[in-house]
Amino acid sequence: MKTKITLFSTFFFVSLLMISCVSEVSLSKENTIQSFTITKGDITKEFSIEENSISGIVESTFELENINLNISIPKGATISPDPVTVKSINGPVIFIVTAENGDVKNYNVDIKREPSTDNFILEVNVKTPNLVLSTDINNENGLITKRIPESNDLKNLNVEFKFSKYATVTPDPKTIKDYSEPVNFTVKSESGAEKIYEVKIEHMNTKISRSCTDTNASKWFGGDNRTNAPDDILPYDRNVGTGQIVIVDKNLVPSAFSIHLQEGFAYYEGKQKYNKRVTLKLIIKDSNFNILATTTTEVSQSFNGGFIPFDLQNLNLYFEANKAYSFYWYLVDGDKLGVSSGSSADTKTGSGFCYNSGYGGQARISRNNSLEDANVWFQHEWHFNIALEGKE
């Protein structure tokens, strides 16, 4: 019995020894980085590996922020720090690769971005109490210009700059308030290249006046007292307004807008002159049909036709060149007054200031709407007589 136990013990020890030897032999000593890539967006860059060093230079536009690393290592090996956790490279980084058998190898990673050569002023905005005005930038000759409303003090302006990333600007734009004379700024790129810009801000002080006076048609404007009007129109029920799209070719601070009526207000049925003062209302909307301003004007009892001005000077309006602005005007309480006139119009086609689309609008008391409602207005094929004054 003793002999059998001894033989079994010997066999068990030898087996353990063999298993241990097999385990030691199977542990890998591989601890190399096999490939190293950086991905940003849809761009992937691969870098060469020399012994325990990985280095390279990427172009200035390839930011080493918000990146994804992909590092291949042998099966069974581990790497620290975990490449998934590394989202930026701002200087040398050490990666430690540990083989399956515990052997360690350090890799020094030094990847840099080329210094940017960009030295541009990208955007300059003049911030006024009512508006943010973007300037015109000519990068070829380094000239930045803007004409702004006269209500702003050129010696105390709030001007915001945006310039190339990594570039610096002297003097610091945040310290400059006085633009009563041109101001020069030097923009220095990350690579050291310099560019000089001159910022020239002036007042809009050139007076302009435009008018559209060709007339070959007249549209109903105001109320209606007829008892036998067509289309089921009831007396003292409807009010008809007029509108026109205005587009200027240069930025403009408007001071007055005028509309043209062919005659004084009167009752259509009976042809009796009204001979009392009336009020007209003007609504101005931007290209997105948001209301910019409203105002009214009084028409005297002696009015017999002609241009009627609306004063815009205190409305802080600023019209940008080549943008559409919609003007609507109507007789206040025209439905109840029952008096009307005629909006002078031109039915010919043409181009320029006088030939943008017109508008018509009609509201009725019986339908519980008014000319303040946007849905009662529609585009009209005629071009209505208007005049515009202001400063460019």
Protein backbone atom coordinates (compact mmCIF):
# COMPACT_ATOMS: atom_id res chain seq x y z
CA MET A 1 0.00 0.00 0.00
CA LYS A 2 2.87 2.40 0.83
CA THR A 3 4.44 1.81 -2.55
CA LYS A 4 1.22 2.72 -4.35
CA ILE A 5 0.92 6.01 -2.42
CA THR A 6 4.52 6.96 -3.24
CA LEU A 7 4.04 6.29 -6.94
CA PHE A 8 0.86 8.39 -7.00
CA SER A 9 2.58 11.30 -5.22
CA THR A 10 5.46 11.22 -7.66
CA PHE A 11 3.09 11.22 -10.64
CA PHE A 12 1.07 14.17 -9.21
CA PHE A 13 4.22 16.27 -8.60
CA VAL A 14 5.56 15.61 -12.08
CA SER A 15 2.20 16.57 -13.60
CA LEU A 16 2.11 19.88 -11.71
CA LEU A 17 5.65 20.63 -12.80
CA MET A 18 4.79 19.96 -16.44
CA ILE A 19 1.69 22.20 -16.27
CA SER A 20 3.75 24.97 -14.68
CA CYS A 21 6.38 24.72 -17.38
CA VAL A 22 3.75 24.81 -20.13
CA SER A 23 2.14 27.92 -18.52
CA GLU A 24 5.48 29.71 -18.33
CA VAL A 25 6.30 28.92 -21.93
CA SER A 26 2.91 30.16 -23.23
CA LEU A 27 3.15 33.71 -21.73
CA SER A 28 4.10 36.17 -24.52
CA LYS A 29 6.89 38.68 -24.09
CA GLU A 30 5.64 40.87 -26.97
CA ASN A 31 5.22 44.49 -25.85
CA THR A 32 5.54 46.53 -29.03
CA ILE A 33 3.21 49.12 -30.54
CA GLN A 34 2.41 47.72 -33.95
CA SER A 35 0.52 50.73 -35.42
CA PHE A 36 -0.45 54.22 -34.30
CA THR A 37 -3.15 56.36 -35.95
CA ILE A 38 -5.07 59.54 -35.09
CA THR A 39 -8.58 60.14 -36.40
CA LYS A 40 -10.35 63.48 -36.37
CA GLY A 41 -13.68 63.68 -38.12
CA ASP A 42 -13.32 61.75 -41.36
CA ILE A 43 -9.53 62.13 -41.58
CA THR A 44 -7.12 59.48 -40.28
CA LYS A 45 -3.35 59.90 -40.09
CA GLU A 46 -0.85 57.10 -39.49
CA PHE A 47 2.54 57.67 -37.82
CA SER A 48 5.78 55.71 -38.12
CA ILE A 49 7.24 53.85 -35.16
CA GLU A 50 10.99 53.85 -34.58
CA GLU A 51 12.19 51.70 -31.68
CA ASN A 52 10.40 53.27 -28.70
CA SER A 53 9.59 56.59 -30.34
CA ILE A 54 6.57 57.82 -32.31
CA SER A 55 6.74 61.32 -33.76
CA GLY A 56 5.32 63.42 -36.56
CA ILE A 57 4.00 66.78 -37.65
CA VAL A 58 0.45 67.44 -38.87
CA GLU A 59 -0.69 70.44 -40.88
CA SER A 60 -1.93 73.49 -38.97
CA THR A 61 -5.56 72.80 -39.86
CA PHE A 62 -5.46 69.34 -38.25
CA GLU A 63 -6.30 70.18 -34.65
CA LEU A 64 -4.96 67.76 -32.04
CA GLU A 65 -8.08 68.25 -29.92
CA ASN A 66 -11.17 66.00 -29.85
CA ILE A 67 -9.23 63.20 -31.49
CA ASN A 68 -9.52 59.40 -31.44
CA LEU A 69 -6.40 57.25 -31.04
CA ASN A 70 -6.14 53.75 -32.46
CA ILE A 71 -3.08 51.86 -31.19
CA SER A 72 -2.47 48.21 -32.06
CA ILE A 73 -0.55 46.02 -29.59
CA PRO A 74 0.12 42.24 -29.43
CA LYS A 75 -2.55 39.89 -28.18
CA GLY A 76 -2.37 39.52 -24.42
CA ALA A 77 -0.47 42.79 -23.92
CA THR A 78 -1.90 45.87 -22.20
CA ILE A 79 -1.30 49.61 -22.69
CA SER A 80 -1.49 52.57 -20.34
CA PRO A 81 -2.99 55.07 -20.53
CA ASP A 82 -5.93 53.56 -22.39
CA PRO A 83 -5.89 55.18 -25.89
CA VAL A 84 -9.67 55.56 -25.72
CA THR A 85 -9.26 58.07 -22.89
CA VAL A 86 -6.75 60.25 -24.74
CA LYS A 87 -8.66 62.96 -26.62
CA SER A 88 -5.94 65.55 -27.11
CA ILE A 89 -2.18 65.76 -27.58
CA ASN A 90 -0.73 68.99 -26.27
CA GLY A 91 2.82 67.76 -25.74
CA PRO A 92 4.87 64.58 -25.33
CA VAL A 93 2.91 61.57 -24.09
CA ILE A 94 4.34 58.31 -22.72
CA PHE A 95 2.51 55.03 -23.40
CA ILE A 96 3.51 51.96 -21.40
CA VAL A 97 3.03 48.57 -23.07
CA THR A 98 3.13 45.56 -20.76
CA ALA A 99 3.64 42.13 -22.30
CA GLU A 100 1.70 39.09 -21.19
CA ASN A 101 4.74 37.93 -19.22
CA GLY A 102 5.07 41.29 -17.46
CA ASP A 103 7.85 42.84 -19.53
CA VAL A 104 7.40 46.60 -19.90
CA LYS A 105 8.30 48.96 -22.76
CA ASN A 106 7.84 52.73 -22.81
CA TYR A 107 6.97 54.63 -25.99
CA ASN A 108 7.52 58.37 -26.26
CA VAL A 109 4.87 59.98 -28.48
CA ASP A 110 5.65 63.50 -29.71
CA ILE A 111 3.26 64.68 -32.42
CA LYS A 112 3.01 68.36 -33.18
CA ARG A 113 0.87 70.65 -35.30
CA GLU A 114 2.52 73.04 -37.76
CA PRO A 115 2.16 76.69 -36.70
CA SER A 116 -0.69 78.40 -38.52
CA THR A 117 0.17 81.04 -41.09
CA ASP A 118 -3.34 82.59 -40.98
CA ASN A 119 -3.30 86.25 -39.98
CA PHE A 120 -6.72 87.49 -41.06
CA ILE A 121 -9.38 89.61 -39.43
CA LEU A 122 -12.44 87.50 -40.14
CA GLU A 123 -15.26 89.63 -38.77
CA VAL A 124 -15.74 93.08 -37.30
CA ASN A 125 -19.11 94.12 -35.85
CA VAL A 126 -20.12 97.52 -34.57
CA LYS A 127 -22.57 97.06 -31.70
CA THR A 128 -24.97 99.97 -31.26
CA PRO A 129 -27.84 100.23 -28.74
CA ASN A 130 -30.30 99.06 -31.40
CA LEU A 131 -28.26 97.22 -34.02
CA VAL A 132 -25.27 95.01 -34.68
CA LEU A 133 -23.66 96.26 -37.89
CA SER A 134 -21.21 94.06 -39.79
CA THR A 135 -18.35 95.77 -41.59
CA ASP A 136 -16.98 95.24 -45.09
CA ILE A 137 -13.59 93.49 -45.02
CA ASN A 138 -11.13 93.53 -47.91
CA ASN A 139 -8.39 91.07 -47.03
CA GLU A 140 -6.37 91.89 -50.13
CA ASN A 141 -5.72 95.52 -49.28
CA GLY A 142 -6.30 95.20 -45.52
CA LEU A 143 -9.14 97.73 -45.44
CA ILE A 144 -12.19 97.41 -43.17
CA THR A 145 -14.97 99.96 -43.66
CA LYS A 146 -18.42 100.76 -42.33
CA ARG A 147 -20.80 103.70 -42.42
CA ILE A 148 -23.04 103.83 -39.36
CA PRO A 149 -26.00 106.00 -38.28
CA GLU A 150 -25.13 109.51 -37.10
CA SER A 151 -26.76 108.83 -33.74
CA ASN A 152 -23.65 106.85 -32.71
CA ASP A 153 -20.61 108.56 -31.19
CA LEU A 154 -17.52 107.62 -33.21
CA LYS A 155 -15.36 108.34 -30.16
CA ASN A 156 -17.14 105.79 -28.01
CA LEU A 157 -17.93 102.70 -30.05
CA ASN A 158 -18.28 99.07 -29.04
CA VAL A 159 -16.52 97.13 -31.80
CA GLU A 160 -16.06 93.36 -31.69
CA PHE A 161 -13.38 91.48 -33.67
CA LYS A 162 -12.97 87.88 -34.76
CA PHE A 163 -9.62 86.86 -36.21
CA SER A 164 -7.71 83.75 -37.25
CA LYS A 165 -7.32 81.11 -34.58
CA TYR A 166 -3.90 81.27 -32.87
CA ALA A 167 -3.32 84.78 -34.27
CA THR A 168 -2.79 87.82 -32.03
CA VAL A 169 -3.82 91.42 -32.67
CA THR A 170 -2.16 94.65 -31.53
CA PRO A 171 -3.35 96.91 -30.18
CA ASP A 172 -5.92 94.85 -28.32
CA PRO A 173 -9.27 95.69 -30.00
CA LYS A 174 -11.01 95.53 -26.63
CA THR A 175 -9.07 98.61 -25.53
CA ILE A 176 -10.03 100.76 -28.53
CA LYS A 177 -13.21 102.87 -28.39
CA ASP A 178 -12.29 105.91 -30.48
CA TYR A 179 -12.85 105.43 -34.21
CA SER A 180 -13.23 109.10 -35.09
CA GLU A 181 -10.05 108.55 -37.13
CA PRO A 182 -8.94 105.36 -38.92
CA VAL A 183 -7.32 102.80 -36.60
CA ASN A 184 -4.57 100.39 -37.68
CA PHE A 185 -4.32 96.86 -36.28
CA THR A 186 -1.46 94.38 -36.76
CA VAL A 187 -2.45 90.73 -36.95
CA LYS A 188 0.36 88.26 -36.24
CA SER A 189 -0.06 84.61 -37.16
CA GLU A 190 1.08 81.71 -35.00
CA SER A 191 4.02 81.31 -37.37
CA GLY A 192 5.01 84.97 -36.96
CA ALA A 193 3.73 86.44 -40.25
CA GLU A 194 2.20 89.90 -39.84
CA LYS A 195 -0.56 91.76 -41.70
CA ILE A 196 -1.80 95.31 -41.14
CA TYR A 197 -5.48 96.25 -41.33
CA GLU A 198 -6.96 99.75 -41.36
CA VAL A 199 -10.40 100.08 -39.77
CA LYS A 200 -12.32 103.08 -41.08
CA ILE A 201 -15.74 103.83 -39.56
CA GLU A 202 -17.70 106.86 -40.74
CA HIS A 203 -21.14 108.38 -40.29
CA MET A 204 -23.93 107.86 -42.80
CA ASN A 205 -24.27 111.51 -43.76
CA THR A 206 -25.08 111.49 -47.47
CA LYS A 207 -28.67 112.55 -48.05
CA ILE A 208 -30.69 110.64 -50.63
CA SER A 209 -34.23 110.92 -51.97
CA ARG A 210 -35.96 108.49 -54.28
CA SER A 211 -39.49 108.68 -55.63
CA CYS A 212 -41.77 106.73 -57.94
CA THR A 213 -44.16 109.07 -59.75
CA ASP A 214 -45.21 107.33 -62.98
CA THR A 215 -48.95 106.76 -62.70
CA ASN A 216 -51.41 105.03 -65.00
CA ALA A 217 -53.78 103.35 -62.51
CA SER A 218 -55.56 103.86 -59.21
CA LYS A 219 -56.53 101.29 -56.54
CA TRP A 220 -59.33 101.69 -54.01
CA PHE A 221 -58.01 102.94 -50.66
CA GLY A 222 -60.02 103.35 -47.47
CA GLY A 223 -63.64 102.63 -46.53
CA ASP A 224 -66.82 102.15 -48.55
CA ASN A 225 -70.28 103.63 -48.00
CA ARG A 226 -71.97 102.06 -51.04
CA THR A 227 -75.32 100.35 -50.54
CA ASN A 228 -75.15 98.53 -53.89
CA ALA A 229 -71.48 97.46 -53.97
CA PRO A 230 -70.62 94.15 -55.68
CA ASP A 231 -69.35 90.97 -53.97
CA ASP A 232 -71.76 91.33 -51.04
CA ILE A 233 -69.85 94.34 -49.70
CA LEU A 234 -71.90 96.02 -47.02
CA PRO A 235 -71.76 99.79 -46.43
CA TYR A 236 -69.42 100.90 -43.63
CA ASP A 237 -67.98 97.39 -43.36
CA ARG A 238 -64.71 97.09 -45.30
CA ASN A 239 -61.34 98.83 -45.19
CA VAL A 240 -58.83 98.57 -48.06
CA GLY A 241 -55.11 99.17 -47.61
CA THR A 242 -52.08 99.39 -49.89
CA GLY A 243 -48.48 98.20 -49.64
CA GLN A 244 -45.17 98.12 -51.45
CA ILE A 245 -41.87 96.25 -51.18
CA VAL A 246 -38.86 98.54 -50.81
CA ILE A 247 -35.30 97.50 -51.70
CA VAL A 248 -32.38 99.92 -51.43
CA ASP A 249 -29.03 99.46 -53.18
CA LYS A 250 -27.02 100.91 -50.29
CA ASN A 251 -27.45 100.70 -46.53
CA LEU A 252 -29.85 103.44 -45.48
CA VAL A 253 -31.07 105.23 -42.37
CA PRO A 254 -34.56 106.33 -43.51
CA SER A 255 -35.96 109.64 -42.32
CA ALA A 256 -39.28 109.79 -44.22
CA PHE A 257 -41.52 107.56 -46.29
CA SER A 258 -44.34 108.99 -48.42
CA ILE A 259 -47.32 107.43 -50.17
CA HIS A 260 -49.36 108.97 -52.98
CA LEU A 261 -53.16 109.29 -53.11
CA GLN A 262 -54.88 110.65 -56.18
CA GLU A 263 -57.52 112.76 -54.43
CA GLY A 264 -58.86 113.81 -51.06
CA PHE A 265 -61.09 111.50 -49.04
CA ALA A 266 -64.77 111.41 -50.00
CA TYR A 267 -67.87 109.23 -49.84
CA TYR A 268 -68.05 107.19 -53.02
CA GLU A 269 -71.83 107.13 -52.96
CA GLY A 270 -72.93 110.74 -53.14
CA LYS A 271 -69.41 111.99 -54.03
CA GLN A 272 -69.42 114.24 -50.97
CA LYS A 273 -66.02 115.41 -49.71
CA TYR A 274 -65.22 114.31 -46.19
CA ASN A 275 -63.50 117.61 -45.28
CA LYS A 276 -62.16 116.34 -41.96
CA ARG A 277 -58.75 115.25 -40.74
CA VAL A 278 -57.97 111.53 -41.01
CA THR A 279 -55.19 109.32 -39.70
CA LEU A 280 -53.12 106.92 -41.78
CA LYS A 281 -51.11 104.10 -40.23
CA LEU A 282 -47.86 102.65 -41.60
CA ILE A 283 -46.52 99.16 -40.77
CA ILE A 284 -42.93 98.24 -41.74
CA LYS A 285 -41.76 94.61 -41.81
CA ASP A 286 -38.41 92.99 -42.54
CA SER A 287 -37.70 90.26 -45.09
CA ASN A 288 -39.02 87.66 -42.63
CA PHE A 289 -42.22 89.68 -42.15
CA ASN A 290 -41.36 90.62 -38.60
CA ILE A 291 -42.67 94.05 -37.65
CA LEU A 292 -39.83 96.55 -37.40
CA ALA A 293 -41.87 99.65 -36.65
CA THR A 294 -45.28 101.29 -36.89
CA THR A 295 -46.21 104.94 -37.06
CA THR A 296 -49.08 107.23 -38.02
CA THR A 297 -49.52 110.52 -39.82
CA GLU A 298 -52.33 113.05 -39.95
CA VAL A 299 -53.91 114.14 -43.26
CA SER A 300 -55.51 117.57 -43.23
CA GLN A 301 -59.11 118.22 -44.20
CA SER A 302 -57.89 120.30 -47.15
CA PHE A 303 -55.91 117.46 -48.73
CA ASN A 304 -56.80 117.07 -52.42
CA GLY A 305 -54.26 114.51 -53.56
CA GLY A 306 -50.48 114.12 -53.60
CA PHE A 307 -47.73 112.64 -51.47
CA ILE A 308 -48.39 112.08 -47.74
CA PRO A 309 -45.21 111.72 -45.60
CA PHE A 310 -44.61 109.50 -42.59
CA ASP A 311 -41.84 110.69 -40.26
CA LEU A 312 -39.39 107.83 -39.58
CA GLN A 313 -36.65 109.76 -37.81
CA ASN A 314 -37.36 108.50 -34.30
CA LEU A 315 -37.94 104.84 -35.21
CA ASN A 316 -34.23 103.82 -35.19
CA LEU A 317 -34.58 102.08 -38.54
CA TYR A 318 -31.68 100.77 -40.57
CA PHE A 319 -32.24 99.24 -44.01
CA GLU A 320 -29.61 96.86 -45.35
CA ALA A 321 -28.77 96.98 -49.03
CA ASN A 322 -30.52 94.48 -51.31
CA LYS A 323 -32.91 93.23 -48.62
CA ALA A 324 -36.68 93.41 -49.03
CA TYR A 325 -38.73 95.51 -46.61
CA SER A 326 -42.52 95.47 -46.76
CA PHE A 327 -44.48 98.68 -46.17
CA TYR A 328 -48.23 98.57 -45.53
CA TRP A 329 -50.46 101.62 -45.03
CA TYR A 330 -54.15 102.07 -44.38
CA LEU A 331 -56.82 104.55 -43.24
CA VAL A 332 -57.43 104.21 -39.51
CA ASP A 333 -61.14 103.39 -38.90
CA GLY A 334 -61.67 103.48 -42.65
CA ASP A 335 -64.44 100.89 -42.39
CA LYS A 336 -66.44 103.00 -39.93
CA LEU A 337 -65.72 106.29 -41.72
CA GLY A 338 -66.83 104.92 -45.08
CA VAL A 339 -64.63 107.35 -47.05
CA SER A 340 -62.03 106.48 -49.64
CA SER A 341 -59.34 107.75 -51.98
CA GLY A 342 -57.18 106.08 -54.65
CA SER A 343 -53.63 104.70 -54.35
CA SER A 344 -51.65 105.88 -57.37
CA ALA A 345 -49.95 103.04 -59.22
CA ASP A 346 -47.94 102.06 -62.28
CA THR A 347 -48.94 98.88 -64.09
CA LYS A 348 -45.90 98.77 -66.37
CA THR A 349 -43.05 96.33 -65.79
CA GLY A 350 -39.56 97.52 -65.04
CA SER A 351 -36.56 97.09 -62.76
CA GLY A 352 -35.06 99.00 -59.87
CA PHE A 353 -36.41 100.80 -56.85
CA CYS A 354 -39.85 101.61 -58.30
CA TYR A 355 -40.66 98.17 -59.67
CA ASN A 356 -40.88 95.84 -56.72
CA SER A 357 -44.06 94.00 -55.81
CA GLY A 358 -47.03 95.88 -54.42
CA TYR A 359 -49.58 94.74 -51.85
CA GLY A 360 -53.31 94.93 -51.37
CA GLY A 361 -55.20 94.32 -48.17
CA GLN A 362 -58.88 94.14 -47.26
CA ALA A 363 -60.57 93.66 -43.91
CA ARG A 364 -64.24 93.67 -42.87
CA ILE A 365 -66.00 94.30 -39.61
CA SER A 366 -68.46 91.54 -40.48
CA ARG A 367 -65.56 89.07 -40.71
CA ASN A 368 -64.07 90.25 -37.42
CA ASN A 369 -60.65 91.03 -38.90
CA SER A 370 -58.57 94.14 -39.47
CA LEU A 371 -55.67 95.41 -41.55
CA GLU A 372 -53.44 94.67 -38.55
CA ASP A 373 -53.88 90.97 -39.45
CA ALA A 374 -51.14 89.68 -41.76
CA ASN A 375 -53.47 87.21 -43.48
CA VAL A 376 -55.66 89.92 -45.02
CA TRP A 377 -52.74 91.16 -47.17
CA PHE A 378 -51.77 89.75 -50.58
CA GLN A 379 -49.27 90.62 -53.28
CA HIS A 380 -50.54 93.00 -55.93
CA GLU A 381 -49.17 93.12 -59.47
CA TRP A 382 -49.08 96.93 -59.56
CA HIS A 383 -46.23 99.15 -58.37
CA PHE A 384 -47.49 101.92 -56.11
CA ASN A 385 -46.20 105.48 -56.02
CA ILE A 386 -43.90 106.04 -53.05
CA ALA A 387 -41.02 108.27 -51.97
CA LEU A 388 -38.17 107.53 -49.57
CA GLU A 389 -35.69 109.87 -47.90
CA GLY A 390 -32.75 109.19 -45.66
CA LYS A 391 -28.98 109.05 -45.35
CA GLU A 392 -26.48 106.58 -46.77
